[in-house]
N, C-alpha and C. Protein backbone atom coordinates (compact mmCIF):
# COMPACT_ATOMS: atom_id res chain seq x y z
N MET A 1 18.37 23.50 -6.91
CA MET A 1 18.03 24.87 -5.83
C MET A 1 16.96 24.34 -4.97
N ARG A 2 16.99 25.00 -3.99
CA ARG A 2 15.81 24.84 -2.83
C ARG A 2 15.34 25.88 -2.26
N THR A 3 13.85 25.59 -1.87
CA THR A 3 13.48 26.64 -1.20
C THR A 3 12.96 26.11 0.38
N ALA A 4 13.47 26.80 1.32
CA ALA A 4 13.31 26.13 2.42
C ALA A 4 13.05 27.34 3.70
N VAL A 5 12.49 27.07 4.76
CA VAL A 5 12.35 27.99 5.77
C VAL A 5 12.51 27.03 7.01
N THR A 6 13.48 27.64 8.06
CA THR A 6 13.86 27.27 9.58
C THR A 6 12.91 27.88 10.36
N PHE A 7 12.50 27.34 11.53
CA PHE A 7 11.44 28.32 12.33
C PHE A 7 11.07 27.82 13.16
N TRP A 8 10.50 28.57 14.40
CA TRP A 8 9.94 28.16 15.54
C TRP A 8 8.45 28.51 15.53
N GLN A 9 7.61 27.36 15.65
CA GLN A 9 6.05 27.82 15.87
C GLN A 9 5.41 27.08 17.07
N MET A 10 4.21 27.41 17.28
CA MET A 10 3.64 26.85 18.31
C MET A 10 2.77 26.05 17.71
N PRO A 11 1.57 25.14 18.46
CA PRO A 11 0.79 24.03 17.80
C PRO A 11 -0.32 25.31 17.01
N SER A 12 -0.65 26.01 17.56
CA SER A 12 -1.63 27.10 16.61
C SER A 12 -1.08 27.53 15.51
N ASP A 13 0.18 27.62 15.44
CA ASP A 13 0.72 28.16 13.97
C ASP A 13 0.66 26.88 12.86
N ASP A 14 0.82 25.55 13.39
CA ASP A 14 0.81 24.46 12.57
C ASP A 14 -0.69 24.26 11.86
N ALA A 15 -1.37 24.68 13.11
CA ALA A 15 -3.08 24.46 12.86
C ALA A 15 -2.86 25.28 11.56
N ALA A 16 -2.63 26.69 11.54
CA ALA A 16 -2.77 27.70 10.69
C ALA A 16 -2.45 27.41 9.04
N LEU A 17 -1.16 26.73 9.21
CA LEU A 17 -0.56 26.03 8.06
C LEU A 17 -1.09 25.22 7.54
N PHE A 18 -1.65 24.34 8.05
CA PHE A 18 -2.88 23.18 7.58
C PHE A 18 -4.05 24.02 7.24
N ASP A 19 -4.43 24.81 7.55
CA ASP A 19 -5.70 25.53 6.87
C ASP A 19 -5.10 26.30 5.28
N PHE A 20 -4.08 26.91 5.84
CA PHE A 20 -3.27 27.50 4.19
C PHE A 20 -3.52 26.58 3.21
N LEU A 21 -2.92 25.36 3.56
CA LEU A 21 -2.85 24.13 2.82
C LEU A 21 -4.02 23.63 2.14
N ARG A 22 -5.14 23.48 3.24
CA ARG A 22 -6.40 23.42 2.44
C ARG A 22 -6.80 24.37 1.67
N SER A 23 -6.71 25.37 2.00
CA SER A 23 -7.38 26.80 1.25
C SER A 23 -6.95 26.67 -0.48
N ALA A 24 -5.30 26.25 -0.45
CA ALA A 24 -4.47 26.17 -1.55
C ALA A 24 -5.27 25.11 -2.56
N GLY A 25 -5.78 24.28 -2.12
CA GLY A 25 -6.34 23.05 -2.99
C GLY A 25 -5.99 21.60 -2.26
N ALA A 26 -6.09 20.47 -2.95
CA ALA A 26 -6.26 19.42 -2.41
C ALA A 26 -4.54 18.98 -2.28
N VAL A 27 -4.45 18.64 -1.04
CA VAL A 27 -3.28 17.86 -0.66
C VAL A 27 -3.18 16.71 0.11
N ARG A 28 -2.09 16.06 0.00
CA ARG A 28 -1.91 14.60 0.59
C ARG A 28 -1.01 14.68 1.55
N VAL A 29 -0.71 13.75 2.11
CA VAL A 29 0.90 13.85 3.40
C VAL A 29 0.77 12.26 3.50
N ARG A 30 1.92 12.07 3.97
CA ARG A 30 2.65 10.89 4.78
C ARG A 30 3.75 11.06 5.55
N ARG A 31 3.93 10.39 6.63
CA ARG A 31 5.02 10.45 7.41
C ARG A 31 6.21 10.01 6.06
N HIS A 32 7.38 10.43 6.44
CA HIS A 32 8.47 10.49 5.75
C HIS A 32 9.50 9.40 6.26
N ARG A 33 9.07 8.28 5.75
CA ARG A 33 9.91 7.08 6.46
C ARG A 33 9.77 6.01 5.33
N SER A 34 10.58 4.88 5.43
CA SER A 34 10.81 3.95 4.68
C SER A 34 9.65 2.65 5.19
N GLU A 35 9.30 2.05 4.31
CA GLU A 35 8.18 1.09 4.33
C GLU A 35 8.71 0.01 3.96
N PRO A 36 8.50 -1.41 4.46
CA PRO A 36 8.67 -2.44 3.62
C PRO A 36 8.30 -2.35 2.38
N GLN A 37 8.86 -2.95 1.25
CA GLN A 37 8.36 -3.15 -0.16
C GLN A 37 6.90 -3.70 -0.02
N SER A 38 6.60 -4.50 0.48
CA SER A 38 5.44 -5.48 1.05
C SER A 38 4.25 -4.28 1.20
N GLU A 39 4.40 -3.41 1.53
CA GLU A 39 3.74 -2.41 2.33
C GLU A 39 3.37 -1.28 1.26
N PRO A 40 2.52 -0.63 0.60
CA PRO A 40 2.41 0.44 -0.12
C PRO A 40 2.63 1.70 0.57
N ILE A 41 2.94 2.59 -0.15
CA ILE A 41 3.39 4.09 -0.01
C ILE A 41 2.05 4.77 -0.21
N GLU A 42 1.40 5.13 0.66
CA GLU A 42 0.22 5.74 0.54
C GLU A 42 0.27 7.13 0.87
N PHE A 43 -0.31 8.01 0.37
CA PHE A 43 -0.53 9.56 0.92
C PHE A 43 -1.78 9.56 1.50
N LEU A 44 -2.30 10.09 2.60
CA LEU A 44 -3.89 10.61 3.07
C LEU A 44 -4.06 11.70 3.15
N PRO A 45 -5.45 11.95 3.53
CA PRO A 45 -5.63 13.63 3.41
C PRO A 45 -5.11 14.12 4.51
N LEU A 46 -5.22 15.50 4.31
CA LEU A 46 -4.47 16.39 5.55
C LEU A 46 -4.73 16.03 6.82
N SER A 47 -6.08 15.98 6.85
CA SER A 47 -7.01 15.63 8.05
C SER A 47 -6.50 14.56 9.06
N ALA A 48 -5.80 13.49 8.46
CA ALA A 48 -5.21 12.46 9.09
C ALA A 48 -4.02 12.98 9.98
N PHE A 49 -3.53 14.11 9.66
CA PHE A 49 -2.26 14.58 10.23
C PHE A 49 -2.74 15.70 10.61
N ARG A 50 -3.53 16.34 11.00
CA ARG A 50 -4.44 17.59 11.56
C ARG A 50 -3.49 17.88 13.10
N ARG A 51 -3.97 16.25 13.83
CA ARG A 51 -3.50 16.71 15.38
C ARG A 51 -2.10 16.59 15.19
N ARG A 52 -1.57 17.78 16.03
CA ARG A 52 -0.36 18.39 16.24
C ARG A 52 0.58 17.20 16.88
N GLY A 53 1.65 16.69 16.33
CA GLY A 53 2.69 15.85 17.07
C GLY A 53 3.79 16.25 16.22
N SER A 54 4.94 15.74 16.77
CA SER A 54 6.20 15.49 16.18
C SER A 54 6.20 14.79 15.07
N ASP A 55 6.84 15.41 13.76
CA ASP A 55 6.43 14.42 12.63
C ASP A 55 7.53 14.70 12.07
N PHE A 56 8.17 14.00 10.95
CA PHE A 56 8.81 14.16 9.36
C PHE A 56 7.57 13.85 8.30
N LEU A 57 7.08 14.84 7.62
CA LEU A 57 6.02 14.65 7.11
C LEU A 57 6.60 15.05 5.23
N VAL A 58 5.58 14.52 4.38
CA VAL A 58 5.86 14.95 2.76
C VAL A 58 4.59 15.28 2.46
N LEU A 59 4.52 16.43 1.88
CA LEU A 59 3.25 17.01 1.36
C LEU A 59 3.26 17.07 0.03
N CYS A 60 2.01 16.66 -0.70
CA CYS A 60 2.42 16.49 -1.74
C CYS A 60 0.88 16.96 -2.69
N ARG A 61 0.82 17.77 -3.73
CA ARG A 61 -0.46 18.17 -4.26
C ARG A 61 -1.21 16.99 -4.73
N GLU A 62 -2.67 16.89 -4.57
CA GLU A 62 -3.27 15.52 -5.16
C GLU A 62 -2.85 15.39 -6.79
N CYS A 63 -2.30 16.51 -7.55
CA CYS A 63 -2.59 16.63 -8.79
C CYS A 63 -0.62 15.79 -9.39
N ASP A 64 -0.04 15.96 -8.34
CA ASP A 64 1.29 15.60 -8.58
C ASP A 64 1.70 14.25 -8.10
N LEU A 65 0.52 13.44 -7.41
CA LEU A 65 0.58 12.10 -6.81
C LEU A 65 1.38 11.35 -8.05
N ALA A 66 0.95 11.12 -9.08
CA ALA A 66 1.55 10.48 -10.18
C ALA A 66 3.00 10.57 -10.42
N ALA A 67 2.97 11.87 -10.28
CA ALA A 67 4.84 12.01 -10.33
C ALA A 67 5.60 11.62 -9.14
N VAL A 68 5.17 11.29 -8.02
CA VAL A 68 5.99 10.96 -7.12
C VAL A 68 6.78 9.67 -7.55
N LYS A 69 8.34 9.87 -7.05
CA LYS A 69 9.18 8.78 -7.25
C LYS A 69 9.53 8.09 -6.11
N VAL A 70 9.55 6.75 -6.54
CA VAL A 70 9.71 5.74 -5.09
C VAL A 70 11.24 5.40 -5.22
N GLU A 71 11.70 5.30 -4.20
CA GLU A 71 13.41 4.68 -4.22
C GLU A 71 13.25 3.36 -3.60
N LYS A 72 13.75 2.18 -4.26
CA LYS A 72 13.85 1.01 -3.39
C LYS A 72 15.37 0.54 -3.11
N PHE A 73 15.65 -0.05 -1.92
CA PHE A 73 16.88 -0.44 -1.55
C PHE A 73 16.81 -1.72 -0.61
N LYS A 74 17.92 -2.25 -0.22
CA LYS A 74 17.85 -3.16 0.73
C LYS A 74 18.61 -2.85 1.98
N SER A 75 18.02 -3.35 3.06
CA SER A 75 18.81 -2.93 4.48
C SER A 75 18.53 -4.25 5.20
N GLU A 76 19.41 -4.99 5.84
CA GLU A 76 19.42 -5.74 6.88
C GLU A 76 18.70 -7.32 6.05
N GLY A 77 19.15 -7.32 4.99
CA GLY A 77 18.44 -8.21 3.89
C GLY A 77 17.24 -8.36 3.75
N ARG A 78 16.35 -7.01 3.75
CA ARG A 78 15.02 -6.49 3.65
C ARG A 78 14.85 -5.61 2.57
N ALA A 79 13.84 -5.93 1.70
CA ALA A 79 13.59 -4.73 0.74
C ALA A 79 12.63 -3.61 1.25
N TRP A 80 13.17 -2.63 1.26
CA TRP A 80 12.29 -1.44 1.69
C TRP A 80 12.40 -0.11 0.29
N HIS A 81 11.27 0.76 0.68
CA HIS A 81 11.00 1.64 -0.53
C HIS A 81 10.66 3.09 0.39
N THR A 82 10.97 4.00 -0.13
CA THR A 82 10.59 5.44 0.47
C THR A 82 10.48 6.21 -0.56
N VAL A 83 9.53 7.56 -0.27
CA VAL A 83 9.63 8.58 -1.25
C VAL A 83 10.89 9.48 -1.60
N SER A 84 11.02 9.37 -2.91
CA SER A 84 12.21 10.54 -3.30
C SER A 84 11.99 11.93 -2.99
N ASP A 85 12.42 12.57 -1.74
CA ASP A 85 11.68 13.76 -1.87
C ASP A 85 12.77 14.94 -2.92
N ALA A 86 13.96 14.47 -3.17
CA ALA A 86 14.72 14.92 -3.88
C ALA A 86 14.10 15.04 -5.07
N SER A 87 13.67 14.07 -5.75
CA SER A 87 13.28 14.23 -7.32
C SER A 87 11.97 14.17 -7.46
N SER A 88 11.11 14.39 -6.44
CA SER A 88 9.28 14.21 -6.56
C SER A 88 9.36 15.64 -6.26
N PRO A 89 7.47 15.60 -6.61
CA PRO A 89 6.96 17.30 -6.49
C PRO A 89 6.35 17.26 -4.80
N VAL A 90 7.54 17.13 -4.13
CA VAL A 90 6.62 16.96 -2.70
C VAL A 90 7.49 18.35 -1.61
N LEU A 91 6.88 18.76 -0.79
CA LEU A 91 7.59 19.47 0.31
C LEU A 91 7.68 18.35 1.76
N THR A 92 8.76 18.80 2.15
CA THR A 92 8.98 18.43 3.45
C THR A 92 8.97 18.82 4.16
N TYR A 93 8.35 18.64 5.84
CA TYR A 93 7.58 19.44 6.80
C TYR A 93 8.11 18.38 8.33
N SER A 94 9.22 19.34 9.07
CA SER A 94 9.38 18.64 10.46
C SER A 94 8.80 19.75 10.92
N ARG A 95 7.74 19.10 12.07
CA ARG A 95 7.10 19.97 13.12
C ARG A 95 7.51 19.04 14.35
N GLU A 96 7.89 20.06 15.36
CA GLU A 96 8.11 19.60 16.93
C GLU A 96 6.66 20.26 17.68
N LYS A 97 6.36 19.30 18.48
CA LYS A 97 5.80 19.76 19.53
C LYS A 97 6.36 20.16 20.65
N PRO A 98 5.90 21.26 21.82
CA PRO A 98 6.78 21.83 22.96
C PRO A 98 6.69 20.23 23.87
N VAL A 99 7.87 20.02 24.20
CA VAL A 99 7.82 18.82 25.19
C VAL A 99 8.33 19.52 26.41
N ARG A 100 7.94 18.89 27.87
CA ARG A 100 8.48 19.68 28.94
C ARG A 100 9.06 21.02 28.96
N GLY A 101 8.28 21.63 28.19
CA GLY A 101 8.44 23.35 28.28
C GLY A 101 9.60 23.72 27.12
N VAL A 102 10.25 22.83 26.49
CA VAL A 102 11.17 23.14 25.29
C VAL A 102 10.63 22.92 23.70
N LEU A 103 10.80 23.99 23.21
CA LEU A 103 10.42 23.86 21.94
C LEU A 103 11.34 23.58 20.71
N HIS A 104 11.35 22.88 19.97
CA HIS A 104 12.67 22.60 18.60
C HIS A 104 11.89 23.56 17.64
N GLN A 105 12.88 23.50 16.67
CA GLN A 105 12.87 24.07 15.33
C GLN A 105 11.90 23.51 14.25
N SER A 106 10.93 24.00 13.90
CA SER A 106 10.42 23.05 12.39
C SER A 106 11.33 23.42 11.14
N THR A 107 10.89 22.66 9.96
CA THR A 107 11.52 23.28 8.91
C THR A 107 10.69 22.75 7.75
N LEU A 108 10.45 23.50 6.44
CA LEU A 108 9.57 23.01 5.71
C LEU A 108 10.45 23.59 4.26
N GLY A 109 10.48 22.46 3.34
CA GLY A 109 11.18 23.22 2.05
C GLY A 109 10.86 21.83 0.66
N ALA A 110 11.40 22.30 0.02
CA ALA A 110 11.20 21.28 -1.28
C ALA A 110 12.49 21.61 -2.25
N SER A 111 12.91 20.52 -2.76
CA SER A 111 14.17 20.91 -4.00
C SER A 111 13.33 21.46 -5.25
N LEU A 112 13.93 22.16 -5.99
CA LEU A 112 12.87 22.49 -6.91
C LEU A 112 13.94 22.23 -8.56
N ASP A 113 14.62 21.53 -8.26
CA ASP A 113 15.60 20.84 -9.27
C ASP A 113 15.91 19.72 -8.66
N TYR A 114 16.61 18.79 -9.43
CA TYR A 114 17.32 17.50 -9.33
C TYR A 114 18.13 16.82 -10.28
N VAL A 115 19.10 16.06 -9.58
CA VAL A 115 20.26 15.42 -10.90
C VAL A 115 19.57 14.20 -11.23
N ASP A 116 18.95 13.84 -12.39
CA ASP A 116 18.80 12.63 -12.93
C ASP A 116 20.13 11.46 -12.70
N LEU A 117 19.67 10.68 -11.94
CA LEU A 117 20.75 9.70 -11.26
C LEU A 117 21.23 8.78 -12.65
N LYS A 118 19.64 8.38 -13.44
CA LYS A 118 20.56 7.66 -14.68
C LYS A 118 20.91 8.21 -15.80
N THR A 119 21.23 9.59 -15.98
CA THR A 119 21.57 10.47 -16.84
C THR A 119 22.51 11.38 -16.50
N GLY A 120 22.70 11.64 -15.44
CA GLY A 120 23.48 12.65 -14.82
C GLY A 120 23.56 14.09 -15.09
N GLN A 121 22.04 14.44 -15.64
CA GLN A 121 21.51 15.42 -16.01
C GLN A 121 21.08 16.48 -15.01
N LYS A 122 20.98 17.64 -14.73
CA LYS A 122 20.27 18.31 -13.88
C LYS A 122 18.96 18.56 -14.40
N ARG A 123 17.56 18.24 -13.89
CA ARG A 123 16.50 18.40 -14.23
C ARG A 123 15.67 19.46 -13.57
N GLN A 124 14.70 20.14 -14.01
CA GLN A 124 13.83 20.99 -13.49
C GLN A 124 12.36 20.51 -12.76
N LYS A 125 12.00 20.64 -11.58
CA LYS A 125 10.81 19.90 -11.29
C LYS A 125 9.64 20.89 -12.14
N ASP A 126 8.59 20.08 -12.15
CA ASP A 126 7.45 21.20 -12.95
C ASP A 126 7.07 22.45 -12.24
N GLY A 127 7.05 23.30 -13.36
CA GLY A 127 6.61 24.82 -12.88
C GLY A 127 5.79 25.35 -11.89
N ASP A 128 4.52 24.48 -12.09
CA ASP A 128 3.42 24.54 -11.10
C ASP A 128 3.60 24.42 -9.68
N PHE A 129 4.68 23.39 -9.45
CA PHE A 129 4.92 22.71 -8.31
C PHE A 129 5.52 23.69 -7.95
N LYS A 130 6.79 23.83 -8.60
CA LYS A 130 7.51 25.15 -7.90
C LYS A 130 6.85 26.13 -7.16
N LYS A 131 5.89 26.72 -8.19
CA LYS A 131 5.16 27.95 -7.89
C LYS A 131 4.31 27.89 -6.75
N TRP A 132 3.65 26.55 -6.38
CA TRP A 132 3.29 26.24 -4.90
C TRP A 132 3.96 26.10 -3.80
N ALA A 133 5.02 25.28 -4.02
CA ALA A 133 6.12 25.22 -3.01
C ALA A 133 6.68 26.78 -2.77
N LYS A 134 7.08 27.28 -3.82
CA LYS A 134 7.29 28.55 -3.13
C LYS A 134 6.56 29.57 -2.44
N SER A 135 5.27 29.31 -2.83
CA SER A 135 4.20 30.24 -2.08
C SER A 135 3.94 29.91 -0.48
N VAL A 136 4.01 28.31 -0.40
CA VAL A 136 3.75 27.80 0.98
C VAL A 136 5.15 28.27 1.85
N VAL A 137 6.10 28.19 1.25
CA VAL A 137 7.33 28.76 2.03
C VAL A 137 7.02 29.95 2.58
N ALA A 138 6.89 30.76 1.27
CA ALA A 138 6.37 32.20 1.62
C ALA A 138 5.62 32.61 2.54
N TRP A 139 4.35 31.86 2.84
CA TRP A 139 3.18 31.92 3.84
C TRP A 139 3.88 31.90 5.05
N VAL A 140 4.62 30.44 5.13
CA VAL A 140 5.25 30.32 6.60
C VAL A 140 6.59 31.43 6.76
N ARG A 141 7.35 32.28 6.02
CA ARG A 141 7.93 33.53 5.89
C ARG A 141 7.50 34.75 6.73
N ASN A 142 6.35 34.63 5.90
CA ASN A 142 5.27 36.26 6.27
C ASN A 142 4.80 35.71 7.58
N ARG A 143 4.42 34.66 7.93
CA ARG A 143 3.57 34.66 9.36
C ARG A 143 5.04 34.46 10.27
N CYS A 144 6.45 34.43 9.98
CA CYS A 144 7.38 34.52 11.03
C CYS A 144 7.89 35.80 11.38
N THR A 145 7.20 37.05 12.06
CA THR A 145 7.31 38.08 11.90
C THR A 145 8.03 38.47 13.29
N GLU A 146 8.51 37.50 13.64
CA GLU A 146 9.58 37.64 14.79
C GLU A 146 10.82 36.59 14.94
N THR A 147 11.74 37.28 15.26
CA THR A 147 12.98 36.42 15.82
C THR A 147 13.37 36.33 16.85
N CYS A 148 13.96 35.31 17.50
CA CYS A 148 14.49 34.60 18.75
C CYS A 148 15.81 34.19 18.73
N GLU A 149 16.62 34.49 19.77
CA GLU A 149 18.01 34.37 19.75
C GLU A 149 18.21 33.02 20.65
N LEU A 150 18.80 32.25 19.87
CA LEU A 150 19.68 31.13 20.61
C LEU A 150 21.20 30.82 20.39
N ASN A 151 22.08 31.06 21.73
CA ASN A 151 23.38 30.54 21.26
C ASN A 151 24.12 31.91 20.43
N GLY A 152 23.25 32.79 20.38
CA GLY A 152 24.16 33.93 19.70
C GLY A 152 23.87 34.36 18.33
N PHE A 153 22.32 33.30 17.93
CA PHE A 153 22.23 33.89 16.60
C PHE A 153 20.48 34.03 16.62
N GLU A 154 20.04 34.54 15.73
CA GLU A 154 18.68 34.91 15.51
C GLU A 154 18.11 33.95 14.79
N TYR A 155 16.88 33.60 14.81
CA TYR A 155 16.10 32.76 14.08
C TYR A 155 14.93 32.67 14.00
N LEU A 156 14.25 32.60 12.84
CA LEU A 156 12.66 32.87 12.56
C LEU A 156 11.86 32.51 13.85
N ALA A 157 10.60 33.09 14.14
CA ALA A 157 10.11 33.01 14.95
C ALA A 157 8.42 33.33 14.71
N THR A 158 7.28 32.56 15.05
CA THR A 158 6.23 33.39 15.08
C THR A 158 5.81 34.19 16.15
N PRO A 159 4.92 35.17 16.26
CA PRO A 159 4.93 35.91 17.30
C PRO A 159 4.45 34.97 18.78
N ASP A 160 3.63 34.01 18.35
CA ASP A 160 3.16 33.43 19.26
C ASP A 160 4.30 32.67 20.30
N VAL A 161 5.44 32.16 19.48
CA VAL A 161 6.73 31.82 19.92
C VAL A 161 7.58 33.01 20.83
N ALA A 162 7.62 33.97 20.17
CA ALA A 162 8.13 35.12 20.64
C ALA A 162 7.60 35.32 22.59
N ARG A 163 6.42 35.54 22.09
CA ARG A 163 5.41 36.00 23.42
C ARG A 163 5.71 34.89 24.54
N ALA A 164 5.48 33.55 24.09
CA ALA A 164 5.99 32.31 24.95
C ALA A 164 7.45 32.42 25.58
N VAL A 165 8.18 32.78 24.76
CA VAL A 165 9.81 32.77 25.12
C VAL A 165 9.87 34.35 26.44
N ASN A 166 9.14 35.31 25.94
CA ASN A 166 9.37 36.57 26.52
C ASN A 166 8.47 36.22 28.26
N GLU A 167 7.23 35.55 27.95
CA GLU A 167 6.75 34.99 29.48
C GLU A 167 7.43 33.69 30.05
N GLY A 168 8.49 33.73 29.67
CA GLY A 168 9.32 32.24 30.18
C GLY A 168 8.39 31.12 30.15
N VAL A 169 7.35 31.06 29.09
CA VAL A 169 6.28 29.77 29.02
C VAL A 169 7.22 28.38 28.48
N ILE A 170 8.06 28.78 27.53
CA ILE A 170 8.54 27.71 26.91
C ILE A 170 10.14 28.23 26.66
N GLU A 171 11.38 27.22 26.50
CA GLU A 171 12.58 27.60 25.89
C GLU A 171 12.88 26.80 24.70
N LEU A 172 13.70 27.33 24.28
CA LEU A 172 14.03 27.14 22.79
C LEU A 172 15.35 26.41 22.29
N SER A 173 15.33 25.02 21.58
CA SER A 173 16.42 24.32 21.47
C SER A 173 16.45 24.58 19.88
N ILE A 174 17.31 23.82 19.26
CA ILE A 174 17.35 23.54 17.50
C ILE A 174 16.93 21.93 17.56
């Protein structure tokens, strides 16, 4: 099972999310990308990613860092590793900044259970992690009190996005 939200947000909403995360305890973050195995998988303080940019991030409570699972693989003759978001106690967060007046959707979510690839059994993630992940997703959903239409479908948006669309300041894209 997964808890997730797809939504449009402005840079001020992203800053508010980081403020909320900071208020909920120590959270670490990294870009969600593969690294050569010669380079460490490091999580940094939230402040390292405070400046709004277009990123795909992995968020982890500091208390869950030891439970983060790393997948290793080879590609093009090189050894790589990456955080397994499916089996680790992490939230994934994709955020976009407006570019030339176009705003793309953001997503935030986490897998709450996973299939252990060695045994084939379904496993539950830690209960405290699941509670935290659901609370962060709920915070975003509660902030998204508006909807905006694109291609005949309504999508969640923050009030700042709805206002900017109504004023013709931005256009929306998926």
